Amino acid sequence: MDLLLSARPGRDCTVLEVRGELDMATAPQLRESLQRLVDAGDRQVIVDLAEVGFMDSSALGALVVMFKALRSVGGRLSLAAAQPAVRSVLTVTSVDRAIQVYDSVQAAEADPPSTGDATGR
């Protein structure tokens, strides 16, 4: 299955909708799309994983790299709507301890960055 990525404006953020499988063949596309958002000045980015049925370690690596890139410029990367198999990967690898994972895009949009951390811009 091909990977489809589309960015749209959210509530005080940008939502990157991801459809397909995130694996070693498609992880570079994910990273490049997120990098383009950062380069364009986006600082609050939510990755909508509702249509992702599989994620491997290369995709996790791309997410962690971009989480750090956004954090370094005062931004925040959040994940939303992960299916059970993907959520399990995030939990087993402890990525969900570094990157906030929400049940839905709406829940992520409703949770503003805290003012006490580096993402509070």
PDB file of N, CA and C in Angstrom:
ATOM      1  N   MET A   1       0.838  -1.189   0.000  1.00  0.00           N
ATOM      2  CA  MET A   1       0.000   0.000   0.000  1.00  0.00           C
ATOM      3  C   MET A   1       0.877   1.244   0.000  1.00  0.00           C
ATOM      4  N   ASP A   2       0.520   2.192  -0.833  1.00  0.00           N
ATOM      5  CA  ASP A   2       1.250   3.449  -0.884  1.00  0.00           C
ATOM      6  C   ASP A   2       0.963   4.278   0.353  1.00  0.00           C
ATOM      7  N   LEU A   3       1.905   5.127   0.694  1.00  0.00           N
ATOM      8  CA  LEU A   3       1.731   6.048   1.810  1.00  0.00           C
ATOM      9  C   LEU A   3       1.172   7.354   1.273  1.00  0.00           C
ATOM     10  N   LEU A   4       0.093   7.822   1.895  1.00  0.00           N
ATOM     11  CA  LEU A   4      -0.503   9.093   1.535  1.00  0.00           C
ATOM     12  C   LEU A   4      -0.371  10.030   2.724  1.00  0.00           C
ATOM     13  N   LEU A   5       0.166  11.209   2.481  1.00  0.00           N
ATOM     14  CA  LEU A   5       0.371  12.205   3.523  1.00  0.00           C
ATOM     15  C   LEU A   5      -0.297  13.500   3.077  1.00  0.00           C
ATOM     16  N   SER A   6      -1.077  14.092   3.976  1.00  0.00           N
ATOM     17  CA  SER A   6      -1.666  15.388   3.651  1.00  0.00           C
ATOM     18  C   SER A   6      -1.720  16.237   4.916  1.00  0.00           C
ATOM     19  N   ALA A   7      -1.262  17.469   4.776  1.00  0.00           N
ATOM     20  CA  ALA A   7      -1.275  18.406   5.896  1.00  0.00           C
ATOM     21  C   ALA A   7      -2.486  19.314   5.759  1.00  0.00           C
ATOM     22  N   ARG A   8      -3.101  19.614   6.899  1.00  0.00           N
ATOM     23  CA  ARG A   8      -4.234  20.532   6.908  1.00  0.00           C
ATOM     24  C   ARG A   8      -4.158  21.377   8.167  1.00  0.00           C
ATOM     25  N   PRO A   9      -4.752  22.552   8.122  1.00  0.00           N
ATOM     26  CA  PRO A   9      -4.777  23.378   9.327  1.00  0.00           C
ATOM     27  C   PRO A   9      -5.667  22.741  10.388  1.00  0.00           C
ATOM     28  N   GLY A  10      -5.203  22.781  11.616  1.00  0.00           N
ATOM     29  CA  GLY A  10      -6.000  22.340  12.753  1.00  0.00           C
ATOM     30  C   GLY A  10      -6.274  23.536  13.638  1.00  0.00           C
ATOM     31  N   ARG A  11      -6.692  23.257  14.848  1.00  0.00           N
ATOM     32  CA  ARG A  11      -6.954  24.331  15.810  1.00  0.00           C
ATOM     33  C   ARG A  11      -5.636  24.732  16.467  1.00  0.00           C
ATOM     34  N   ASP A  12      -5.064  25.846  16.049  1.00  0.00           N
ATOM     35  CA  ASP A  12      -3.771  26.321  16.543  1.00  0.00           C
ATOM     36  C   ASP A  12      -2.644  25.323  16.298  1.00  0.00           C
ATOM     37  N   CYS A  13      -2.754  24.564  15.202  1.00  0.00           N
ATOM     38  CA  CYS A  13      -1.734  23.564  14.887  1.00  0.00           C
ATOM     39  C   CYS A  13      -1.863  23.175  13.422  1.00  0.00           C
ATOM     40  N   THR A  14      -0.993  22.273  13.005  1.00  0.00           N
ATOM     41  CA  THR A  14      -1.099  21.641  11.695  1.00  0.00           C
ATOM     42  C   THR A  14      -1.280  20.150  11.938  1.00  0.00           C
ATOM     43  N   VAL A  15      -2.212  19.546  11.218  1.00  0.00           N
ATOM     44  CA  VAL A  15      -2.463  18.113  11.335  1.00  0.00           C
ATOM     45  C   VAL A  15      -1.913  17.434  10.085  1.00  0.00           C
ATOM     46  N   LEU A  16      -1.018  16.473  10.287  1.00  0.00           N
ATOM     47  CA  LEU A  16      -0.502  15.673   9.181  1.00  0.00           C
ATOM     48  C   LEU A  16      -1.250  14.343   9.193  1.00  0.00           C
ATOM     49  N   GLU A  17      -2.118  14.166   8.203  1.00  0.00           N
ATOM     50  CA  GLU A  17      -2.883  12.919   8.093  1.00  0.00           C
ATOM     51  C   GLU A  17      -2.046  11.897   7.343  1.00  0.00           C
ATOM     52  N   VAL A  18      -1.936  10.712   7.936  1.00  0.00           N
ATOM     53  CA  VAL A  18      -1.107   9.653   7.368  1.00  0.00           C
ATOM     54  C   VAL A  18      -2.009   8.461   7.054  1.00  0.00           C
ATOM     55  N   ARG A  19      -1.896   7.952   5.841  1.00  0.00           N
ATOM     56  CA  ARG A  19      -2.671   6.775   5.423  1.00  0.00           C
ATOM     57  C   ARG A  19      -1.725   5.765   4.790  1.00  0.00           C
ATOM     58  N   GLY A  20      -1.747   4.548   5.320  1.00  0.00           N
ATOM     59  CA  GLY A  20      -0.907   3.491   4.777  1.00  0.00           C
ATOM     60  C   GLY A  20      -0.041   2.868   5.849  1.00  0.00           C
ATOM     61  N   GLU A  21       0.999   2.189   5.420  1.00  0.00           N
ATOM     62  CA  GLU A  21       1.909   1.539   6.351  1.00  0.00           C
ATOM     63  C   GLU A  21       3.174   2.369   6.499  1.00  0.00           C
ATOM     64  N   LEU A  22       3.624   2.490   7.739  1.00  0.00           N
ATOM     65  CA  LEU A  22       4.863   3.213   8.024  1.00  0.00           C
ATOM     66  C   LEU A  22       5.960   2.181   8.275  1.00  0.00           C
ATOM     67  N   ASP A  23       6.811   2.032   7.290  1.00  0.00           N
ATOM     68  CA  ASP A  23       7.889   1.057   7.389  1.00  0.00           C
ATOM     69  C   ASP A  23       9.154   1.655   6.804  1.00  0.00           C
ATOM     70  N   MET A  24      10.160   0.825   6.611  1.00  0.00           N
ATOM     71  CA  MET A  24      11.443   1.344   6.173  1.00  0.00           C
ATOM     72  C   MET A  24      11.363   1.959   4.776  1.00  0.00           C
ATOM     73  N   ALA A  25      10.405   1.535   3.971  1.00  0.00           N
ATOM     74  CA  ALA A  25      10.251   2.112   2.635  1.00  0.00           C
ATOM     75  C   ALA A  25       9.554   3.469   2.664  1.00  0.00           C
ATOM     76  N   THR A  26       8.676   3.683   3.650  1.00  0.00           N
ATOM     77  CA  THR A  26       7.880   4.908   3.671  1.00  0.00           C
ATOM     78  C   THR A  26       8.286   5.900   4.764  1.00  0.00           C
ATOM     79  N   ALA A  27       9.093   5.473   5.728  1.00  0.00           N
ATOM     80  CA  ALA A  27       9.516   6.367   6.814  1.00  0.00           C
ATOM     81  C   ALA A  27      10.216   7.627   6.301  1.00  0.00           C
ATOM     82  N   PRO A  28      11.048   7.544   5.253  1.00  0.00           N
ATOM     83  CA  PRO A  28      11.669   8.775   4.753  1.00  0.00           C
ATOM     84  C   PRO A  28      10.635   9.805   4.271  1.00  0.00           C
ATOM     85  N   GLN A  29       9.541   9.350   3.668  1.00  0.00           N
ATOM     86  CA  GLN A  29       8.484  10.262   3.235  1.00  0.00           C
ATOM     87  C   GLN A  29       7.862  10.971   4.441  1.00  0.00           C
ATOM     88  N   LEU A  30       7.639  10.227   5.510  1.00  0.00           N
ATOM     89  CA  LEU A  30       7.078  10.808   6.720  1.00  0.00           C
ATOM     90  C   LEU A  30       8.013  11.878   7.274  1.00  0.00           C
ATOM     91  N   ARG A  31       9.270  11.535   7.375  1.00  0.00           N
ATOM     92  CA  ARG A  31      10.245  12.488   7.916  1.00  0.00           C
ATOM     93  C   ARG A  31      10.349  13.739   7.039  1.00  0.00           C
ATOM     94  N   GLU A  32      10.389  13.542   5.719  1.00  0.00           N
ATOM     95  CA  GLU A  32      10.482  14.682   4.806  1.00  0.00           C
ATOM     96  C   GLU A  32       9.249  15.580   4.916  1.00  0.00           C
ATOM     97  N   SER A  33       8.076  14.992   5.031  1.00  0.00           N
ATOM     98  CA  SER A  33       6.852  15.788   5.165  1.00  0.00           C
ATOM     99  C   SER A  33       6.864  16.596   6.453  1.00  0.00           C
ATOM    100  N   LEU A  34       7.287  15.964   7.530  1.00  0.00           N
ATOM    101  CA  LEU A  34       7.372  16.680   8.805  1.00  0.00           C
ATOM    102  C   LEU A  34       8.438  17.769   8.749  1.00  0.00           C
ATOM    103  N   GLN A  35       9.555  17.485   8.102  1.00  0.00           N
ATOM    104  CA  GLN A  35      10.612  18.493   7.982  1.00  0.00           C
ATOM    105  C   GLN A  35      10.135  19.692   7.187  1.00  0.00           C
ATOM    106  N   ARG A  36       9.362  19.459   6.119  1.00  0.00           N
ATOM    107  CA  ARG A  36       8.811  20.568   5.337  1.00  0.00           C
ATOM    108  C   ARG A  36       7.911  21.447   6.205  1.00  0.00           C
ATOM    109  N   LEU A  37       7.129  20.835   7.092  1.00  0.00           N
ATOM    110  CA  LEU A  37       6.264  21.614   7.979  1.00  0.00           C
ATOM    111  C   LEU A  37       7.101  22.476   8.921  1.00  0.00           C
ATOM    112  N   VAL A  38       8.147  21.877   9.490  1.00  0.00           N
ATOM    113  CA  VAL A  38       9.035  22.625  10.394  1.00  0.00           C
ATOM    114  C   VAL A  38       9.697  23.768   9.629  1.00  0.00           C
ATOM    115  N   ASP A  39      10.204  23.478   8.438  1.00  0.00           N
ATOM    116  CA  ASP A  39      10.871  24.503   7.624  1.00  0.00           C
ATOM    117  C   ASP A  39       9.919  25.640   7.257  1.00  0.00           C
ATOM    118  N   ALA A  40       8.622  25.316   7.139  1.00  0.00           N
ATOM    119  CA  ALA A  40       7.622  26.332   6.789  1.00  0.00           C
ATOM    120  C   ALA A  40       7.176  27.147   8.002  1.00  0.00           C
ATOM    121  N   GLY A  41       7.683  26.774   9.182  1.00  0.00           N
ATOM    122  CA  GLY A  41       7.366  27.548  10.374  1.00  0.00           C
ATOM    123  C   GLY A  41       6.317  26.941  11.278  1.00  0.00           C
ATOM    124  N   ASP A  42       5.809  25.773  10.930  1.00  0.00           N
ATOM    125  CA  ASP A  42       4.839  25.112  11.810  1.00  0.00           C
ATOM    126  C   ASP A  42       5.534  24.683  13.097  1.00  0.00           C
ATOM    127  N   ARG A  43       4.902  24.938  14.216  1.00  0.00           N
ATOM    128  CA  ARG A  43       5.505  24.607  15.511  1.00  0.00           C
ATOM    129  C   ARG A  43       4.664  23.648  16.339  1.00  0.00           C
ATOM    130  N   GLN A  44       3.387  23.539  16.061  1.00  0.00           N
ATOM    131  CA  GLN A  44       2.514  22.589  16.741  1.00  0.00           C
ATOM    132  C   GLN A  44       1.995  21.629  15.672  1.00  0.00           C
ATOM    133  N   VAL A  45       2.486  20.400  15.692  1.00  0.00           N
ATOM    134  CA  VAL A  45       2.134  19.438  14.653  1.00  0.00           C
ATOM    135  C   VAL A  45       1.543  18.191  15.311  1.00  0.00           C
ATOM    136  N   ILE A  46       0.392  17.781  14.792  1.00  0.00           N
ATOM    137  CA  ILE A  46      -0.254  16.541  15.233  1.00  0.00           C
ATOM    138  C   ILE A  46      -0.198  15.561  14.073  1.00  0.00           C
ATOM    139  N   VAL A  47       0.317  14.375  14.321  1.00  0.00           N
ATOM    140  CA  VAL A  47       0.346  13.324  13.308  1.00  0.00           C
ATOM    141  C   VAL A  47      -0.860  12.429  13.560  1.00  0.00           C
ATOM    142  N   ASP A  48      -1.793  12.442  12.595  1.00  0.00           N
ATOM    143  CA  ASP A  48      -3.018  11.649  12.680  1.00  0.00           C
ATOM    144  C   ASP A  48      -2.717  10.252  12.136  1.00  0.00           C
ATOM    145  N   LEU A  49      -2.726   9.265  13.041  1.00  0.00           N
ATOM    146  CA  LEU A  49      -2.375   7.885  12.685  1.00  0.00           C
ATOM    147  C   LEU A  49      -3.598   6.985  12.516  1.00  0.00           C
ATOM    148  N   ALA A  50      -4.783   7.561  12.394  1.00  0.00           N
ATOM    149  CA  ALA A  50      -6.025   6.777  12.336  1.00  0.00           C
ATOM    150  C   ALA A  50      -6.034   5.764  11.189  1.00  0.00           C
ATOM    151  N   GLU A  51      -5.381   6.086  10.096  1.00  0.00           N
ATOM    152  CA  GLU A  51      -5.388   5.211   8.917  1.00  0.00           C
ATOM    153  C   GLU A  51      -4.070   4.464   8.728  1.00  0.00           C
ATOM    154  N   VAL A  52      -3.310   4.322   9.814  1.00  0.00           N
ATOM    155  CA  VAL A  52      -2.040   3.584   9.767  1.00  0.00           C
ATOM    156  C   VAL A  52      -2.237   2.250  10.475  1.00  0.00           C
ATOM    157  N   GLY A  53      -2.071   1.168   9.742  1.00  0.00           N
ATOM    158  CA  GLY A  53      -2.276  -0.154  10.314  1.00  0.00           C
ATOM    159  C   GLY A  53      -0.999  -0.827  10.781  1.00  0.00           C
ATOM    160  N   PHE A  54       0.153  -0.303  10.354  1.00  0.00           N
ATOM    161  CA  PHE A  54       1.436  -0.914  10.692  1.00  0.00           C
ATOM    162  C   PHE A  54       2.495   0.168  10.819  1.00  0.00           C
ATOM    163  N   MET A  55       3.357   0.008  11.816  1.00  0.00           N
ATOM    164  CA  MET A  55       4.480   0.923  12.000  1.00  0.00           C
ATOM    165  C   MET A  55       5.681   0.120  12.476  1.00  0.00           C
ATOM    166  N   ASP A  56       6.839   0.331  11.829  1.00  0.00           N
ATOM    167  CA  ASP A  56       8.036  -0.368  12.274  1.00  0.00           C
ATOM    168  C   ASP A  56       9.031   0.602  12.905  1.00  0.00           C
ATOM    169  N   SER A  57      10.197   0.088  13.254  1.00  0.00           N
ATOM    170  CA  SER A  57      11.178   0.881  13.988  1.00  0.00           C
ATOM    171  C   SER A  57      11.718   2.059  13.178  1.00  0.00           C
ATOM    172  N   SER A  58      11.782   1.934  11.869  1.00  0.00           N
ATOM    173  CA  SER A  58      12.282   3.055  11.073  1.00  0.00           C
ATOM    174  C   SER A  58      11.311   4.234  11.139  1.00  0.00           C
ATOM    175  N   ALA A  59      10.021   3.962  11.181  1.00  0.00           N
ATOM    176  CA  ALA A  59       9.027   5.031  11.324  1.00  0.00           C
ATOM    177  C   ALA A  59       9.090   5.635  12.723  1.00  0.00           C
ATOM    178  N   LEU A  60       9.297   4.783  13.724  1.00  0.00           N
ATOM    179  CA  LEU A  60       9.462   5.297  15.088  1.00  0.00           C
ATOM    180  C   LEU A  60      10.662   6.236  15.151  1.00  0.00           C
ATOM    181  N   GLY A  61      11.740   5.838  14.503  1.00  0.00           N
ATOM    182  CA  GLY A  61      12.934   6.674  14.475  1.00  0.00           C
ATOM    183  C   GLY A  61      12.668   8.019  13.821  1.00  0.00           C
ATOM    184  N   ALA A  62      11.927   8.015  12.718  1.00  0.00           N
ATOM    185  CA  ALA A  62      11.598   9.266  12.029  1.00  0.00           C
ATOM    186  C   ALA A  62      10.762  10.169  12.935  1.00  0.00           C
ATOM    187  N   LEU A  63       9.817   9.588  13.653  1.00  0.00           N
ATOM    188  CA  LEU A  63       8.985  10.380  14.560  1.00  0.00           C
ATOM    189  C   LEU A  63       9.815  10.976  15.696  1.00  0.00           C
ATOM    190  N   VAL A  64      10.715  10.184  16.262  1.00  0.00           N
ATOM    191  CA  VAL A  64      11.540  10.672  17.368  1.00  0.00           C
ATOM    192  C   VAL A  64      12.472  11.786  16.885  1.00  0.00           C
ATOM    193  N   VAL A  65      13.074  11.621  15.715  1.00  0.00           N
ATOM    194  CA  VAL A  65      13.955  12.657  15.168  1.00  0.00           C
ATOM    195  C   VAL A  65      13.175  13.955  14.977  1.00  0.00           C
ATOM    196  N   MET A  66      11.969  13.863  14.436  1.00  0.00           N
ATOM    197  CA  MET A  66      11.188  15.076  14.186  1.00  0.00           C
ATOM    198  C   MET A  66      10.605  15.651  15.476  1.00  0.00           C
ATOM    199  N   PHE A  67      10.324  14.799  16.455  1.00  0.00           N
ATOM    200  CA  PHE A  67       9.915  15.283  17.780  1.00  0.00           C
ATOM    201  C   PHE A  67      11.023  16.173  18.348  1.00  0.00           C
ATOM    202  N   LYS A  68      12.259  15.685  18.268  1.00  0.00           N
ATOM    203  CA  LYS A  68      13.402  16.451  18.782  1.00  0.00           C
ATOM    204  C   LYS A  68      13.619  17.730  17.978  1.00  0.00           C
ATOM    205  N   ALA A  69      13.450  17.653  16.654  1.00  0.00           N
ATOM    206  CA  ALA A  69      13.628  18.837  15.813  1.00  0.00           C
ATOM    207  C   ALA A  69      12.606  19.914  16.177  1.00  0.00           C
ATOM    208  N   LEU A  70      11.364  19.525  16.370  1.00  0.00           N
ATOM    209  CA  LEU A  70      10.334  20.498  16.749  1.00  0.00           C
ATOM    210  C   LEU A  70      10.596  21.050  18.143  1.00  0.00           C
ATOM    211  N   ARG A  71      10.973  20.183  19.052  1.00  0.00           N
ATOM    212  CA  ARG A  71      11.256  20.628  20.420  1.00  0.00           C
ATOM    213  C   ARG A  71      12.406  21.633  20.434  1.00  0.00           C
ATOM    214  N   SER A  72      13.390  21.432  19.572  1.00  0.00           N
ATOM    215  CA  SER A  72      14.557  22.324  19.552  1.00  0.00           C
ATOM    216  C   SER A  72      14.214  23.729  19.067  1.00  0.00           C
ATOM    217  N   VAL A  73      13.092  23.878  18.371  1.00  0.00           N
ATOM    218  CA  VAL A  73      12.668  25.208  17.911  1.00  0.00           C
ATOM    219  C   VAL A  73      11.451  25.705  18.699  1.00  0.00           C
ATOM    220  N   GLY A  74      11.220  25.099  19.870  1.00  0.00           N
ATOM    221  CA  GLY A  74      10.118  25.529  20.722  1.00  0.00           C
ATOM    222  C   GLY A  74       8.773  24.995  20.314  1.00  0.00           C
ATOM    223  N   GLY A  75       8.755  23.944  19.524  1.00  0.00           N
ATOM    224  CA  GLY A  75       7.500  23.375  19.049  1.00  0.00           C
ATOM    225  C   GLY A  75       7.148  22.073  19.730  1.00  0.00           C
ATOM    226  N   ARG A  76       6.098  21.443  19.223  1.00  0.00           N
ATOM    227  CA  ARG A  76       5.635  20.186  19.809  1.00  0.00           C
ATOM    228  C   ARG A  76       5.074  19.283  18.726  1.00  0.00           C
ATOM    229  N   LEU A  77       5.466  18.026  18.779  1.00  0.00           N
ATOM    230  CA  LEU A  77       4.917  16.981  17.922  1.00  0.00           C
ATOM    231  C   LEU A  77       4.071  16.081  18.796  1.00  0.00           C
ATOM    232  N   SER A  78       2.844  15.844  18.377  1.00  0.00           N
ATOM    233  CA  SER A  78       1.946  14.937  19.088  1.00  0.00           C
ATOM    234  C   SER A  78       1.435  13.898  18.103  1.00  0.00           C
ATOM    235  N   LEU A  79       1.046  12.752  18.631  1.00  0.00           N
ATOM    236  CA  LEU A  79       0.468  11.682  17.820  1.00  0.00           C
ATOM    237  C   LEU A  79      -0.984  11.508  18.233  1.00  0.00           C
ATOM    238  N   ALA A  80      -1.835  11.127  17.281  1.00  0.00           N
ATOM    239  CA  ALA A  80      -3.252  10.992  17.592  1.00  0.00           C
ATOM    240  C   ALA A  80      -3.874   9.816  16.846  1.00  0.00           C
ATOM    241  N   ALA A  81      -4.885   9.228  17.479  1.00  0.00           N
ATOM    242  CA  ALA A  81      -5.768   8.235  16.881  1.00  0.00           C
ATOM    243  C   ALA A  81      -5.055   6.967  16.413  1.00  0.00           C
ATOM    244  N   ALA A  82      -4.036   6.545  17.138  1.00  0.00           N
ATOM    245  CA  ALA A  82      -3.309   5.325  16.757  1.00  0.00           C
ATOM    246  C   ALA A  82      -4.192   4.094  16.943  1.00  0.00           C
ATOM    247  N   GLN A  83      -4.210   3.241  15.931  1.00  0.00           N
ATOM    248  CA  GLN A  83      -4.926   1.980  16.021  1.00  0.00           C
ATOM    249  C   GLN A  83      -4.231   1.093  17.053  1.00  0.00           C
ATOM    250  N   PRO A  84      -4.930   0.071  17.578  1.00  0.00           N
ATOM    251  CA  PRO A  84      -4.346  -0.755  18.645  1.00  0.00           C
ATOM    252  C   PRO A  84      -2.959  -1.331  18.326  1.00  0.00           C
ATOM    253  N   ALA A  85      -2.740  -1.814  17.116  1.00  0.00           N
ATOM    254  CA  ALA A  85      -1.433  -2.398  16.781  1.00  0.00           C
ATOM    255  C   ALA A  85      -0.340  -1.342  16.819  1.00  0.00           C
ATOM    256  N   VAL A  86      -0.630  -0.152  16.323  1.00  0.00           N
ATOM    257  CA  VAL A  86       0.351   0.931  16.324  1.00  0.00           C
ATOM    258  C   VAL A  86       0.548   1.448  17.735  1.00  0.00           C
ATOM    259  N   ARG A  87      -0.534   1.583  18.472  1.00  0.00           N
ATOM    260  CA  ARG A  87      -0.435   2.044  19.870  1.00  0.00           C
ATOM    261  C   ARG A  87       0.439   1.082  20.675  1.00  0.00           C
ATOM    262  N   SER A  88       0.286  -0.207  20.420  1.00  0.00           N
ATOM    263  CA  SER A  88       1.092  -1.210  21.112  1.00  0.00           C
ATOM    264  C   SER A  88       2.578  -1.019  20.823  1.00  0.00           C
ATOM    265  N   VAL A  89       2.932  -0.733  19.577  1.00  0.00           N
ATOM    266  CA  VAL A  89       4.330  -0.493  19.211  1.00  0.00           C
ATOM    267  C   VAL A  89       4.853   0.736  19.954  1.00  0.00           C
ATOM    268  N   LEU A  90       4.045   1.786  20.019  1.00  0.00           N
ATOM    269  CA  LEU A  90       4.451   3.007  20.720  1.00  0.00           C
ATOM    270  C   LEU A  90       4.671   2.747  22.206  1.00  0.00           C
ATOM    271  N   THR A  91       3.840   1.889  22.778  1.00  0.00           N
ATOM    272  CA  THR A  91       3.938   1.573  24.208  1.00  0.00           C
ATOM    273  C   THR A  91       5.127   0.661  24.498  1.00  0.00           C
ATOM    274  N   VAL A  92       5.273  -0.409  23.730  1.00  0.00           N
ATOM    275  CA  VAL A  92       6.345  -1.387  23.950  1.00  0.00           C
ATOM    276  C   VAL A  92       7.718  -0.737  23.816  1.00  0.00           C
ATOM    277  N   THR A  93       7.842   0.205  22.896  1.00  0.00           N
ATOM    278  CA  THR A  93       9.122   0.870  22.671  1.00  0.00           C
ATOM    279  C   THR A  93       9.315   2.102  23.562  1.00  0.00           C
ATOM    280  N   SER A  94       8.312   2.430  24.359  1.00  0.00           N
ATOM    281  CA  SER A  94       8.311   3.595  25.263  1.00  0.00           C
ATOM    282  C   SER A  94       8.351   4.929  24.528  1.00  0.00           C
ATOM    283  N   VAL A  95       8.077   4.927  23.232  1.00  0.00           N
ATOM    284  CA  VAL A  95       8.002   6.187  22.494  1.00  0.00           C
ATOM    285  C   VAL A  95       6.866   7.038  23.057  1.00  0.00           C
ATOM    286  N   ASP A  96       5.814   6.380  23.552  1.00  0.00           N
ATOM    287  CA  ASP A  96       4.679   7.133  24.116  1.00  0.00           C
ATOM    288  C   ASP A  96       5.043   7.860  25.410  1.00  0.00           C
ATOM    289  N   ARG A  97       6.207   7.580  25.960  1.00  0.00           N
ATOM    290  CA  ARG A  97       6.667   8.328  27.143  1.00  0.00           C
ATOM    291  C   ARG A  97       7.322   9.643  26.751  1.00  0.00           C
ATOM    292  N   ALA A  98       7.851   9.691  25.528  1.00  0.00           N
ATOM    293  CA  ALA A  98       8.494  10.914  25.042  1.00  0.00           C
ATOM    294  C   ALA A  98       7.520  11.772  24.248  1.00  0.00           C
ATOM    295  N   ILE A  99       6.762  11.129  23.355  1.00  0.00           N
ATOM    296  CA  ILE A  99       5.834  11.841  22.488  1.00  0.00           C
ATOM    297  C   ILE A  99       4.418  11.600  22.995  1.00  0.00           C
ATOM    298  N   GLN A 100       3.691  12.685  23.252  1.00  0.00           N
ATOM    299  CA  GLN A 100       2.324  12.569  23.755  1.00  0.00           C
ATOM    300  C   GLN A 100       1.434  11.918  22.697  1.00  0.00           C
ATOM    301  N   VAL A 101       0.667  10.894  23.106  1.00  0.00           N
ATOM    302  CA  VAL A 101      -0.246  10.197  22.210  1.00  0.00           C
ATOM    303  C   VAL A 101      -1.668  10.434  22.705  1.00  0.00           C
ATOM    304  N   TYR A 102      -2.521  10.904  21.817  1.00  0.00           N
ATOM    305  CA  TYR A 102      -3.916  11.200  22.154  1.00  0.00           C
ATOM    306  C   TYR A 102      -4.840  10.212  21.460  1.00  0.00           C
ATOM    307  N   ASP A 103      -6.025  10.037  22.043  1.00  0.00           N
ATOM    308  CA  ASP A 103      -7.006   9.119  21.462  1.00  0.00           C
ATOM    309  C   ASP A 103      -7.583   9.627  20.145  1.00  0.00           C
ATOM    310  N   SER A 104      -7.590  10.943  19.969  1.00  0.00           N
ATOM    311  CA  SER A 104      -8.146  11.530  18.749  1.00  0.00           C
ATOM    312  C   SER A 104      -7.422  12.831  18.430  1.00  0.00           C
ATOM    313  N   VAL A 105      -7.574  13.278  17.201  1.00  0.00           N
ATOM    314  CA  VAL A 105      -7.009  14.566  16.804  1.00  0.00           C
ATOM    315  C   VAL A 105      -7.661  15.671  17.627  1.00  0.00           C
ATOM    316  N   GLN A 106      -8.973  15.557  17.839  1.00  0.00           N
ATOM    317  CA  GLN A 106      -9.684  16.572  18.614  1.00  0.00           C
ATOM    318  C   GLN A 106      -9.127  16.683  20.028  1.00  0.00           C
ATOM    319  N   ALA A 107      -8.796  15.561  20.639  1.00  0.00           N
ATOM    320  CA  ALA A 107      -8.226  15.584  21.992  1.00  0.00           C
ATOM    321  C   ALA A 107      -6.849  16.258  21.978  1.00  0.00           C
ATOM    322  N   ALA A 108      -6.069  15.996  20.953  1.00  0.00           N
ATOM    323  CA  ALA A 108      -4.749  16.628  20.844  1.00  0.00           C
ATOM    324  C   ALA A 108      -4.889  18.134  20.633  1.00  0.00           C
ATOM    325  N   GLU A 109      -5.834  18.529  19.801  1.00  0.00           N
ATOM    326  CA  GLU A 109      -6.048  19.953  19.547  1.00  0.00           C
ATOM    327  C   GLU A 109      -6.528  20.679  20.800  1.00  0.00           C
ATOM    328  N   ALA A 110      -7.258  19.973  21.645  1.00  0.00           N
ATOM    329  CA  ALA A 110      -7.832  20.582  22.846  1.00  0.00           C
ATOM    330  C   ALA A 110      -6.823  20.696  23.986  1.00  0.00           C
ATOM    331  N   ASP A 111      -5.639  20.080  23.835  1.00  0.00           N
ATOM    332  CA  ASP A 111      -4.631  20.087  24.891  1.00  0.00           C
ATOM    333  C   ASP A 111      -3.499  21.038  24.491  1.00  0.00           C
ATOM    334  N   PRO A 112      -3.584  22.285  24.916  1.00  0.00           N
ATOM    335  CA  PRO A 112      -2.543  23.239  24.523  1.00  0.00           C
ATOM    336  C   PRO A 112      -1.212  22.883  25.173  1.00  0.00           C
ATOM    337  N   PRO A 113      -0.114  23.294  24.543  1.00  0.00           N
ATOM    338  CA  PRO A 113       1.194  23.042  25.151  1.00  0.00           C
ATOM    339  C   PRO A 113       1.255  23.688  26.526  1.00  0.00           C
ATOM    340  N   SER A 114       1.875  23.009  27.458  1.00  0.00           N
ATOM    341  CA  SER A 114       2.008  23.588  28.797  1.00  0.00           C
ATOM    342  C   SER A 114       3.030  24.708  28.747  1.00  0.00           C
ATOM    343  N   THR A 115       2.799  25.720  29.562  1.00  0.00           N
ATOM    344  CA  THR A 115       3.690  26.873  29.546  1.00  0.00           C
ATOM    345  C   THR A 115       4.972  26.627  30.316  1.00  0.00           C
ATOM    346  N   GLY A 116       5.053  25.514  31.043  1.00  0.00           N
ATOM    347  CA  GLY A 116       6.230  25.252  31.848  1.00  0.00           C
ATOM    348  C   GLY A 116       7.313  24.483  31.149  1.00  0.00           C
ATOM    349  N   ASP A 117       7.100  24.103  29.879  1.00  0.00           N
ATOM    350  CA  ASP A 117       8.136  23.326  29.200  1.00  0.00           C
ATOM    351  C   ASP A 117       8.607  24.056  27.947  1.00  0.00           C
ATOM    352  N   ALA A 118       9.510  23.437  27.239  1.00  0.00           N
ATOM    353  CA  ALA A 118      10.126  24.070  26.066  1.00  0.00           C
ATOM    354  C   ALA A 118       9.153  24.231  24.913  1.00  0.00           C
ATOM    355  N   THR A 119       8.002  23.566  24.969  1.00  0.00           N
ATOM    356  CA  THR A 119       7.061  23.639  23.856  1.00  0.00           C
ATOM    357  C   THR A 119       6.025  24.729  24.059  1.00  0.00           C
ATOM    358  N   GLY A 120       6.115  25.512  25.101  1.00  0.00           N
ATOM    359  CA  GLY A 120       5.063  26.452  25.442  1.00  0.00           C
ATOM    360  C   GLY A 120       5.057  27.731  24.640  1.00  0.00           C
ATOM    361  N   ARG A 121       5.138  27.638  23.331  1.00  0.00           N
ATOM    362  CA  ARG A 121       5.065  28.838  22.482  1.00  0.00           C
ATOM    363  C   ARG A 121       3.838  28.787  21.632  1.00  0.00           C
TER     364      ARG A 121
END
